[in-house]
Amino acid sequence: MLAQKSVIRETFMFGRQRAAQIGYENVFDYSLGNPSVPRPPQVTAAMLRLLAEQEPVELHGYCPSQGDPVFRAAVAKSLAARFQLPYTIDHIFPTTGAAGALSHALRAVTKPGDEVLTFAPYFPEYGPYVAGTGAVLRVVPAEPEAFQPDLETFAAMLNENTAAVLINTPNNPSGVVYSTPTLRRLADILREKSAAYGRPIYLVSDEPYREIVFDGVDAPYPAALYEHTLTCYSFSKSLSLPGERIGYVAVRPGCEGEDVLVDMMAQISRFTGHNCPPSIIQRACAECLEVTSELSVYQTNMKLLYAKLTELGFTVQKPGGTFYIFPKALEADAKAFCLKAREYDLLLVPGDSFGAPGYVRLAYCIDTEKVRRSLPAFEKLAAAYAR
């Protein structure tokens, strides 16, 4: 385990050490996806009101294993209104962020020896999440540059051992958003294969960046297109609350096992020592489901970086959402390229662990002023490869 530390966290820690030497303002740290905009004021107001008015023993006491009923009901009502699906309280399971949501959802629909398919590029922690269930992660190779799912290869890789398919759209690390035609075709393939195998293949949809979509990009709700979907969500990005660790699994109405999956996840939660996010943040988020942080900052940052990278000759797909951009490195070895970038105090993450060697990820959730000041460093980095 110690030999498999996160390259993202390692780069972030290097940045902190470097900042202590030359000042934080002089380190252009694009390593960690830590939101840079503050939480909406409604979140603070809800927390203060709960602390002032709620009976303390009730507010800070244990909630049921299935989660706080107020939070579950509010999430169900919001999803039903937004996506025209009949969610109820019985379809919602609160978790400690999207990581907790994925871990519970995957355990609920797999058994040891099963296979889970995902598409490169993908979040590196998918490997440990799937391995923790006893299942095996298989990766559909990345479609170069565009990074939309390669559905022909995907269909060929499905087999009788496939229990679930794990998708992430808008995508970390590429910023690509899977289109409605793509997700419809994926759903059709899953239905065809499910019918052939005599059981459903579940779709586990990882959606922490659902609200960060640019310029009217087509960003469908996957559960609206495929009935056997478990949606994994986090408020870390939409409400800028990563440290509060709050999210949920939403079992799509009509999903196979919808009557037992939430109770299963509650039992899984007990046995993994992962029982329930804090009561107060569940209650506060229940009051803030229709608001977000000022997310437009990320589009501003994206446009600055995309314009500069393309000007400098980088091969890069324009992000449709998230706060990541995923250009091709200026040499074949992305790790060596990232080490070279450090000479200019640019902290980038190689794409190898995302299943896309030769590319690098930039998390541009930093101050726009700092993005602007980093552009000359990219110019110097590109110039070093032009010699």
Foldseek 3Di string as FASTA:
>chain_A
DVVDDDLLVVLVVVLVVVCVVVNNLQFAEQRDQQFQFAFDVLLVVLLVCCVVPPDVCVQQDDDDLQEHQLLLQLVQVVCCVVLVFNGGSLQKGKFQFLLRALLLVLLLQAAAAAEEEEEFLADLCVQVSNVVRNYHYDYQAADPQLRAGPVVSVLVPDDLRQREYEYEAVGPAALAGHAPVSLLVVQVSQVVVCVVNVHGRAYEYEYQFQPFFPDPPHHDDSCSRHVQYWYWYGLCAFRVPNVQRITIIGGGPVHVPSNCSSVSSSVVCVVVVRGYRGSSSSSSVSSVVPHGTPNVQLVVLLVLVVVLCVVLPWRWDRRRGDNKTKTFALDQAQVVLQVLLVVSSHHWAASVSSNDGRIIMGRRSHGSVSSVVCSVSVVVSSVVSVD
